[in-house]
Protein backbone atom coordinates (compact mmCIF):
# COMPACT_ATOMS: atom_id res chain seq x y z
CA MET A 1 43.97 -92.77 57.11
CA LEU A 2 44.26 -93.43 60.85
CA ASN A 3 43.58 -96.55 62.88
CA VAL A 4 41.34 -95.41 65.75
CA LEU A 5 40.26 -97.12 68.99
CA LEU A 6 37.18 -96.09 71.00
CA VAL A 7 37.11 -97.14 74.66
CA ASP A 8 33.72 -96.21 76.15
CA ASP A 9 30.90 -98.16 77.83
CA ASP A 10 28.25 -95.89 76.26
CA ILE A 11 27.20 -98.04 73.29
CA GLU A 12 25.03 -95.33 71.77
CA PHE A 13 27.99 -92.93 71.78
CA THR A 14 30.44 -95.44 70.30
CA ASP A 15 27.98 -96.34 67.52
CA VAL A 16 27.54 -92.69 66.47
CA ALA A 17 31.24 -91.85 66.92
CA SER A 18 32.28 -94.90 64.88
CA GLN A 19 30.06 -93.83 62.00
CA ILE A 20 31.53 -90.32 62.06
CA ILE A 21 35.13 -91.57 62.21
CA GLU A 22 34.54 -93.95 59.30
CA PHE A 23 32.88 -91.12 57.35
CA LEU A 24 36.06 -89.08 57.89
CA GLY A 25 38.01 -91.86 56.16
CA HIS A 26 39.54 -93.70 59.12
CA THR A 27 39.23 -97.25 60.45
CA VAL A 28 37.80 -97.72 63.93
CA ALA A 29 37.38 -100.40 66.60
CA ALA A 30 35.29 -100.00 69.76
CA VAL A 31 35.48 -101.71 73.17
CA GLN A 32 33.60 -101.10 76.42
CA ASN A 33 36.16 -101.59 79.21
CA LEU A 34 39.83 -101.54 80.12
CA GLN A 35 40.40 -105.29 79.84
CA GLU A 36 39.00 -105.43 76.30
CA ALA A 37 41.20 -102.47 75.39
CA ARG A 38 44.35 -104.15 76.78
CA ASN A 39 43.54 -107.34 74.87
CA LEU A 40 43.11 -105.43 71.63
CA LEU A 41 46.24 -103.35 72.15
CA GLU A 42 48.32 -106.48 72.70
CA TYR A 43 48.08 -107.38 69.01
CA ASN A 44 47.17 -104.07 67.35
CA GLN A 45 48.69 -100.61 66.96
CA PHE A 46 46.37 -97.58 67.01
CA ASP A 47 47.22 -94.05 65.87
CA HIS A 48 44.58 -92.41 68.07
CA ILE A 49 42.64 -93.62 71.09
CA PHE A 50 39.45 -91.97 72.37
CA LEU A 51 39.27 -93.00 76.01
CA ASP A 52 36.45 -92.54 78.49
CA PHE A 53 37.60 -91.23 81.85
CA MET A 54 35.29 -93.50 83.87
CA LEU A 55 34.92 -97.16 82.79
CA PRO A 56 33.22 -100.17 84.45
CA ASP A 57 36.53 -101.74 85.53
CA GLY A 58 38.54 -98.63 86.41
CA SER A 59 39.74 -95.22 85.27
CA GLY A 60 40.98 -94.47 81.78
CA LEU A 61 44.16 -93.19 83.45
CA HIS A 62 45.08 -96.82 84.15
CA LEU A 63 45.15 -97.50 80.43
CA ILE A 64 47.36 -94.44 79.91
CA ASP A 65 49.82 -95.92 82.43
CA HIS A 66 49.71 -99.22 80.55
CA LEU A 67 50.37 -97.50 77.22
CA THR A 68 53.27 -95.53 78.71
CA GLN A 69 54.89 -98.69 80.07
CA THR A 70 54.59 -100.45 76.71
CA GLY A 71 56.09 -97.51 74.81
CA SER A 72 52.96 -96.81 72.79
CA THR A 73 53.07 -93.83 70.39
CA SER A 74 49.30 -93.47 70.16
CA TYR A 75 47.63 -90.09 70.62
CA ILE A 76 45.02 -90.18 73.37
CA THR A 77 41.91 -88.06 73.73
CA MET A 78 40.20 -88.44 77.09
CA ILE A 79 36.42 -88.13 77.02
CA THR A 80 34.39 -86.98 79.99
CA GLY A 81 31.11 -85.35 80.80
CA HIS A 82 32.62 -83.43 83.71
CA PRO A 83 34.37 -80.08 82.97
CA SER A 84 36.16 -80.15 86.34
CA VAL A 85 38.23 -83.10 85.13
CA LYS A 86 40.26 -80.77 82.88
CA GLY A 87 42.57 -79.51 85.61
CA MET A 88 43.29 -83.03 86.84
CA LEU A 89 44.05 -84.27 83.32
CA ALA A 90 46.45 -81.40 82.71
CA GLY A 91 48.44 -82.41 85.78
CA LEU A 92 48.39 -86.18 85.29
CA CYS A 93 48.67 -86.65 81.54
CA GLY A 94 51.52 -85.99 79.15
CA PRO A 95 51.72 -83.82 76.02
CA LYS A 96 50.16 -86.49 73.79
CA VAL A 97 46.93 -86.55 75.81
CA ASP A 98 44.06 -84.18 75.08
CA TYR A 99 40.47 -84.12 76.32
CA LEU A 100 36.95 -83.54 75.03
CA LEU A 101 33.67 -82.98 76.84
CA LYS A 102 30.49 -84.88 76.02
CA PRO A 103 28.29 -84.50 74.07
CA LEU A 104 30.62 -84.47 71.09
CA GLN A 105 29.98 -83.00 67.65
CA ARG A 106 31.48 -84.20 64.37
CA GLU A 107 33.75 -81.14 64.39
CA ASP A 108 35.19 -82.18 67.77
CA LEU A 109 36.19 -85.63 66.53
CA GLU A 110 37.57 -84.25 63.27
CA SER A 111 39.65 -81.64 65.08
CA ALA A 112 41.06 -84.21 67.49
CA LEU A 113 42.04 -86.57 64.67
CA ASN A 114 43.72 -83.77 62.74
CA ARG A 115 45.92 -82.59 65.60
CA LYS A 116 49.70 -82.72 65.06
CA SER A 117 52.31 -84.28 67.29
CA SER A 118 53.27 -82.04 70.18
CA LYS A 119 55.96 -84.40 71.42
CA ARG A 120 58.24 -83.77 68.49
CA LYS A 121 57.92 -80.03 69.06
CA SER A 122 58.73 -80.21 72.75
CA THR A 123 62.48 -80.01 72.11
CA THR A 124 61.99 -76.74 70.24
CA GLN A 125 59.94 -75.37 73.09
CA HIS A 126 62.68 -76.05 75.64
CA THR A 127 65.73 -75.04 73.59
CA GLY A 128 64.33 -72.30 71.37
CA PRO A 129 62.70 -68.93 72.07
CA LYS A 130 60.28 -68.75 74.97
CA ARG A 131 56.62 -69.35 74.16
CA HIS A 132 54.60 -66.97 76.29
CA PHE A 133 51.34 -68.56 77.48
CA GLY A 134 52.51 -71.63 75.56
CA CYS A 135 51.97 -70.12 72.12
CA LEU A 136 53.20 -66.53 71.63
CA ILE A 137 56.74 -65.73 70.50
CA GLY A 138 58.46 -62.36 70.71
CA GLU A 139 60.46 -60.23 73.12
CA SER A 140 59.94 -56.80 71.53
CA GLU A 141 58.45 -53.96 73.56
CA SER A 142 55.14 -54.13 71.66
CA MET A 143 54.83 -57.86 72.41
CA ARG A 144 55.68 -57.33 76.07
CA ASN A 145 52.88 -54.77 76.23
CA LEU A 146 50.59 -57.35 74.66
CA TYR A 147 51.59 -59.94 77.27
CA THR A 148 50.76 -57.46 80.03
CA MET A 149 47.28 -56.87 78.60
CA ILE A 150 46.68 -60.61 78.31
CA GLU A 151 47.75 -61.12 81.92
CA ARG A 152 45.45 -58.35 83.15
CA VAL A 153 42.34 -59.38 81.22
CA SER A 154 42.84 -63.08 82.03
CA GLN A 155 42.10 -62.27 85.67
CA THR A 156 38.60 -61.11 84.70
CA SER A 157 35.74 -62.48 82.62
CA ALA A 158 35.59 -59.40 80.33
CA ASN A 159 34.91 -59.86 76.62
CA VAL A 160 37.88 -58.99 74.39
CA LEU A 161 37.97 -57.55 70.85
CA LEU A 162 41.22 -58.29 68.99
CA MET A 163 42.11 -55.86 66.21
CA GLY A 164 44.97 -56.16 63.79
CA GLU A 165 45.94 -56.72 60.19
CA SER A 166 45.36 -60.02 58.46
CA GLY A 167 47.98 -62.58 59.42
CA VAL A 168 49.10 -61.11 62.77
CA GLY A 169 47.89 -64.16 64.71
CA LYS A 170 44.60 -63.14 66.30
CA GLU A 171 43.54 -66.74 66.95
CA VAL A 172 46.88 -67.44 68.66
CA VAL A 173 46.29 -64.44 70.94
CA ALA A 174 42.81 -65.80 71.68
CA GLN A 175 44.45 -69.10 72.65
CA ALA A 176 46.86 -67.21 74.91
CA ILE A 177 43.98 -65.42 76.67
CA HIS A 178 42.19 -68.73 77.14
CA SER A 179 45.32 -70.44 78.52
CA ALA A 180 46.12 -67.56 80.87
CA SER A 181 42.56 -67.56 82.21
CA LYS A 182 42.94 -71.10 83.59
CA ILE A 183 39.25 -71.85 83.17
CA GLU A 184 37.70 -75.29 83.04
CA GLY A 185 35.83 -75.17 79.74
CA PRO A 186 37.20 -75.47 76.20
CA LEU A 187 38.23 -72.89 73.63
CA VAL A 188 35.74 -73.03 70.75
CA ALA A 189 36.53 -71.09 67.57
CA THR A 190 34.28 -70.18 64.67
CA ASN A 191 34.64 -67.87 61.66
CA CYS A 192 31.68 -65.53 61.26
CA GLY A 193 32.78 -64.65 57.72
CA ALA A 194 32.56 -68.29 56.62
CA MET A 195 28.96 -68.83 57.76
CA SER A 196 26.08 -68.63 55.32
CA LYS A 197 23.34 -66.21 56.30
CA GLU A 198 20.86 -69.09 56.42
CA LEU A 199 22.88 -71.21 58.86
CA ILE A 200 24.58 -68.63 61.06
CA GLY A 201 21.81 -68.84 63.68
CA SER A 202 22.20 -72.62 63.87
CA GLU A 203 25.99 -72.37 64.15
CA LEU A 204 25.90 -69.76 66.92
CA PHE A 205 22.87 -70.84 68.92
CA GLY A 206 22.21 -74.45 67.82
CA HIS A 207 19.01 -76.00 66.50
CA GLU A 208 16.40 -78.57 67.43
CA LYS A 209 15.74 -81.71 65.44
CA GLY A 210 13.37 -81.04 62.54
CA SER A 211 13.61 -77.25 62.83
CA PHE A 212 14.54 -76.99 59.13
CA THR A 213 15.33 -79.23 56.18
CA GLY A 214 18.46 -81.19 57.00
CA ALA A 215 18.18 -80.79 60.78
CA VAL A 216 18.15 -84.54 61.42
CA ALA A 217 19.32 -84.21 65.03
CA GLN A 218 19.61 -81.65 67.78
CA LYS A 219 22.79 -79.56 67.56
CA LYS A 220 24.41 -77.38 70.17
CA GLY A 221 25.69 -74.01 68.98
CA VAL A 222 29.14 -72.62 69.71
CA PHE A 223 27.91 -70.71 72.77
CA GLU A 224 26.79 -73.94 74.42
CA ARG A 225 29.89 -75.83 73.35
CA ALA A 226 32.09 -73.11 74.88
CA ASN A 227 30.28 -73.20 78.21
CA ASN A 228 32.61 -72.37 81.12
CA GLY A 229 35.32 -71.67 78.55
CA THR A 230 36.15 -69.24 75.77
CA LEU A 231 34.31 -68.57 72.51
CA PHE A 232 36.45 -67.10 69.71
CA LEU A 233 34.42 -65.27 67.03
CA ASP A 234 36.81 -64.58 64.15
CA GLU A 235 35.89 -61.94 61.54
CA VAL A 236 32.99 -60.85 63.75
CA THR A 237 32.45 -57.71 61.63
CA GLU A 238 31.46 -59.95 58.70
CA MET A 239 28.37 -61.11 60.57
CA PRO A 240 25.18 -59.89 58.83
CA ILE A 241 23.92 -56.73 60.53
CA ASP A 242 20.42 -58.18 60.92
CA MET A 243 21.84 -61.10 62.97
CA GLN A 244 23.63 -58.84 65.44
CA PRO A 245 20.58 -58.12 67.65
CA ASN A 246 20.33 -61.88 68.32
CA LEU A 247 24.01 -61.90 69.32
CA LEU A 248 23.47 -58.85 71.53
CA ARG A 249 20.64 -60.58 73.36
CA VAL A 250 22.85 -63.58 74.19
CA LEU A 251 25.67 -61.31 75.38
CA GLU A 252 23.26 -59.44 77.64
CA THR A 253 21.22 -62.33 79.03
CA LYS A 254 23.76 -65.18 78.81
CA LYS A 255 20.97 -67.36 77.45
CA VAL A 256 20.38 -68.88 74.01
CA ILE A 257 17.31 -70.24 72.29
CA ARG A 258 18.11 -72.88 69.70
CA VAL A 259 16.64 -72.47 66.22
CA GLY A 260 13.25 -74.17 66.30
CA GLY A 261 13.25 -74.27 70.10
CA THR A 262 11.26 -72.41 72.73
CA SER A 263 13.17 -72.89 75.97
CA GLU A 264 16.18 -70.82 77.02
CA VAL A 265 19.54 -72.47 77.71
CA SER A 266 21.97 -70.72 80.06
CA VAL A 267 25.52 -70.23 78.75
CA ASN A 268 28.62 -68.93 80.48
CA CYS A 269 31.70 -68.13 78.42
CA ARG A 270 34.10 -65.31 77.71
CA VAL A 271 33.75 -64.04 74.12
CA VAL A 272 36.96 -63.14 72.34
CA SER A 273 36.16 -61.66 68.93
CA ALA A 274 38.47 -60.49 66.16
CA THR A 275 38.47 -58.16 63.17
CA ASN A 276 41.07 -56.84 60.73
CA ARG A 277 39.25 -53.49 60.62
CA ASN A 278 40.47 -50.57 62.71
CA LEU A 279 38.30 -48.29 64.88
CA ALA A 280 37.92 -45.67 62.15
CA GLU A 281 36.70 -48.28 59.68
CA LEU A 282 34.21 -49.66 62.19
CA ALA A 283 32.77 -46.18 62.65
CA GLU A 284 32.72 -45.30 58.93
CA THR A 285 31.52 -48.57 57.37
CA LYS A 286 28.94 -49.33 60.06
CA VAL A 287 29.49 -53.07 59.77
CA MET A 288 28.96 -53.39 63.52
CA ARG A 289 26.21 -51.97 65.69
CA GLU A 290 27.41 -49.61 68.39
CA ASP A 291 25.74 -51.59 71.18
CA ILE A 292 27.38 -54.79 69.95
CA TYR A 293 30.77 -53.08 69.89
CA PHE A 294 30.54 -52.00 73.52
CA ARG A 295 29.51 -55.54 74.53
CA LEU A 296 32.32 -57.24 72.60
CA ALA A 297 35.04 -54.62 73.15
CA VAL A 298 34.96 -54.34 76.92
CA PHE A 299 38.72 -54.79 76.60
CA PRO A 300 39.99 -54.03 73.06
CA ILE A 301 43.51 -55.16 72.13
CA ASP A 302 45.51 -53.99 69.11
CA ILE A 303 47.93 -56.68 67.88
CA PRO A 304 51.05 -55.11 66.35
CA PRO A 305 51.94 -55.92 62.73
CA LEU A 306 55.20 -57.77 62.16
CA ARG A 307 56.93 -54.72 60.62
CA GLU A 308 56.57 -52.93 63.97
CA ARG A 309 58.42 -55.68 65.84
CA THR A 310 61.24 -56.58 63.49
CA SER A 311 63.44 -57.86 66.34
CA ASP A 312 61.00 -60.77 66.70
CA ILE A 313 61.36 -61.91 63.08
CA PRO A 314 64.55 -63.97 63.61
CA LEU A 315 62.94 -65.65 66.65
CA LEU A 316 59.85 -66.61 64.65
CA ALA A 317 61.94 -67.82 61.71
CA GLN A 318 64.01 -70.01 64.03
CA VAL A 319 60.88 -71.56 65.56
CA PHE A 320 59.18 -72.19 62.20
CA LEU A 321 62.33 -73.84 60.81
CA SER A 322 62.80 -75.94 63.96
CA GLU A 323 59.23 -77.23 63.70
CA LEU A 324 59.81 -78.29 60.10
CA ASN A 325 63.14 -79.90 61.01
CA GLU A 326 61.40 -81.89 63.76
CA GLU A 327 58.57 -82.94 61.46
CA TYR A 328 60.76 -84.14 58.60
CA GLY A 329 63.92 -85.19 60.43
CA ALA A 330 66.08 -82.49 58.84
CA ALA A 331 68.84 -80.30 60.31
CA LEU A 332 68.64 -77.08 58.30
CA LYS A 333 70.08 -73.91 59.83
CA TRP A 334 69.77 -70.21 59.11
CA GLN A 335 72.73 -68.08 58.19
CA GLU A 336 72.98 -64.71 59.94
CA ALA A 337 72.74 -62.92 56.59
CA GLN A 338 69.51 -64.77 55.81
CA LEU A 339 67.95 -63.79 59.13
CA GLN A 340 68.91 -60.19 58.46
CA ARG A 341 67.21 -60.35 55.03
CA LEU A 342 64.06 -61.62 56.71
CA ALA A 343 64.21 -58.86 59.31
CA ASP A 344 64.67 -56.17 56.64
CA TYR A 345 61.49 -57.11 54.75
CA GLU A 346 58.16 -55.43 55.63
CA TRP A 347 55.99 -58.59 55.59
CA PRO A 348 52.64 -57.11 54.53
CA GLY A 349 51.07 -60.53 55.23
CA ASN A 350 52.60 -60.51 58.73
CA VAL A 351 53.37 -63.74 60.63
CA ARG A 352 51.30 -65.84 58.23
CA GLU A 353 53.37 -64.66 55.26
CA LEU A 354 56.64 -65.23 57.14
CA ARG A 355 55.62 -68.80 58.00
CA HIS A 356 54.68 -69.41 54.36
CA THR A 357 58.07 -68.13 53.18
CA VAL A 358 59.96 -70.32 55.66
CA HIS A 359 57.93 -73.35 54.59
CA ARG A 360 58.56 -72.64 50.90
CA SER A 361 62.28 -72.20 51.58
CA PHE A 362 62.36 -75.49 53.50
CA ILE A 363 60.77 -77.37 50.60
CA MET A 364 63.31 -75.95 48.15
CA SER A 365 66.26 -76.89 50.40
CA ASP A 366 68.37 -80.05 50.28
CA MET A 367 67.22 -81.85 53.44
CA GLN A 368 70.42 -83.91 53.50
CA GLY A 369 72.41 -80.70 53.97
CA SER A 370 72.21 -77.78 56.37
CA ASP A 371 71.67 -74.70 54.19
CA VAL A 372 68.24 -73.09 53.75
CA ALA A 373 67.37 -72.16 50.14
CA LEU A 374 65.93 -68.71 50.79
CA PRO A 375 64.21 -67.26 47.67
CA GLU A 376 65.61 -64.18 45.97
CA SER A 377 62.33 -62.29 46.49
CA PHE A 378 59.75 -62.55 49.25
CA LYS A 379 57.03 -60.62 47.42
CA SER A 380 53.65 -62.31 47.06
CA PRO A 381 50.93 -61.43 44.51
CA PHE A 382 48.85 -60.08 47.40
CA ALA A 383 51.47 -57.65 48.69
CA LYS A 384 50.35 -54.05 48.35
CA VAL A 385 52.50 -51.92 46.10
CA SER A 386 53.69 -48.91 48.06
CA LYS A 387 53.94 -45.68 46.14
CA GLN A 388 55.23 -43.61 49.03
CA THR A 389 58.67 -42.11 49.06
CA ASN A 390 60.36 -40.71 52.14
CA SER A 391 63.17 -38.85 50.39
CA ILE A 392 63.31 -35.06 50.72
CA SER A 393 65.74 -33.15 48.54
CA ALA A 394 67.09 -29.63 48.81
CA GLY A 395 65.06 -27.03 46.91
CA GLN A 396 61.67 -28.64 47.49
CA THR A 397 58.94 -26.24 48.50
CA ILE A 398 57.00 -26.67 51.71
CA GLU A 399 53.92 -27.40 49.58
CA ASP A 400 55.79 -30.24 47.82
CA VAL A 401 56.89 -31.76 51.11
CA GLU A 402 53.38 -31.40 52.56
CA LYS A 403 51.86 -33.02 49.50
CA GLN A 404 54.39 -35.85 49.71
CA LEU A 405 53.59 -36.43 53.39
CA ILE A 406 49.84 -36.51 52.77
CA THR A 407 50.28 -38.87 49.83
CA ALA A 408 52.41 -41.23 51.90
CA THR A 409 49.95 -41.20 54.81
CA LEU A 410 46.92 -41.85 52.60
CA THR A 411 48.76 -44.74 50.94
CA LYS A 412 49.58 -46.27 54.32
CA VAL A 413 45.92 -46.23 55.45
CA ASP A 414 44.47 -47.28 52.09
CA GLY A 415 42.88 -43.89 51.41
CA ASN A 416 41.04 -43.64 54.74
CA LYS A 417 40.91 -39.84 55.11
CA THR A 418 39.59 -39.84 58.69
CA LEU A 419 42.43 -42.05 59.87
CA ALA A 420 44.97 -40.12 57.77
CA ALA A 421 43.90 -36.84 59.37
CA GLU A 422 44.25 -38.40 62.82
CA MET A 423 47.76 -39.64 62.01
CA LEU A 424 48.75 -36.22 60.63
CA GLY A 425 47.36 -34.43 63.68
CA ILE A 426 44.92 -32.29 61.72
CA SER A 427 41.14 -32.15 61.34
CA THR A 428 39.40 -33.99 58.53
CA LYS A 429 38.16 -30.63 57.21
CA THR A 430 41.75 -29.34 56.99
CA LEU A 431 42.84 -32.47 55.14
CA TYR A 432 40.03 -32.04 52.59
CA ASN A 433 41.00 -28.40 52.13
CA ARG A 434 44.59 -29.40 51.37
CA LEU A 435 43.43 -32.10 48.93
CA HIS A 436 41.28 -29.60 47.05
CA ALA A 437 44.18 -27.15 46.99
CA TYR A 438 46.39 -29.70 45.24
CA GLY A 439 43.70 -30.37 42.66
CA ASP A 440 44.91 -33.78 41.55
CA PHE A 441 43.49 -35.64 44.58
CA ASP A 442 40.14 -37.42 44.46
CA ASP A 443 37.58 -37.01 47.18
């Protein structure tokens, strides 16, 4: 539970925000000007302060100066109705100051209150591996190619489709694109796979009060909330096919109509979408309309899996361990042999699985010591069992070797014959002919 202070002269806003914060399980106090805030802060400690940028007796920046001088450890979220303020805040405020644009939704307040300390991580950022665009780690050739693509697309407003296996960090790449773009608006993320079919229209485009049961107030959709910024649509291929024409219309016209509304609202944001399906799967499964694809994938980016950039694994492991050390006041260190073990594993769950393993190892370690208790096995119950074998022995026939190669390729692509044929450099018809020739393959 957090102790929260609201400093805003908009009484209607503070009343609603206070109710939301209390509903989230925190305590809250509200004042309307700088002097009242200083008086309250003289005798009280607050974990998080929501601070209006413009107050009757001065700027909220004056209170930030006061808090800095008194050594306050409170997180601060500046609140403003002016998107252009973002650039100024970034230059004037420290790492423990964030910002939000009015009008606020419950999700905005919840996200702000759940944010972790960035100050404690700042040491890692300066002394550890470089964080490209403030969030991406890796110096391998495939990551450098990724950085180049991010740099190029950030200079435009083109929509981006991120493709890659589960766990590669698609949302982090979306954050990198947003940061590199240096735009005024926020990054707003939503998961299309987590939306119910009944409410997806409301989540994307918003709704008017009374438009359906439970719509007790007007709500802005993610397109409006991301105005002048970036909208990240995760798992976009999980969106119901019958909803995609509505999405196409917004992408084409840059206007939304809220559920239950009649008037159009102009929106302006870059859409970064993501899927863990490859191009062949998109074509075969038809989970995405072709016209939607060409609107979303103006600039497609493939994010490399961790096994294709093994030189980055020690860097990531160092960063993950440093973050945990900072958070819990420990001083654990990797041994070279342990880092080599991590680099030698395939990590089918990619960066997410590596982070999980480091966290599990940290918990099992003696935090009074320095050694990391790395588990004997990294395998998770979700890791795919590979049946392929790359060994070729003398005396094997060409047919045996060919069969072995096809088997290994099909295993790698989860039985996708179109993709397997492409990887083998043959036509799909030829692949089917070879499968029928072997007899023990299923169509």
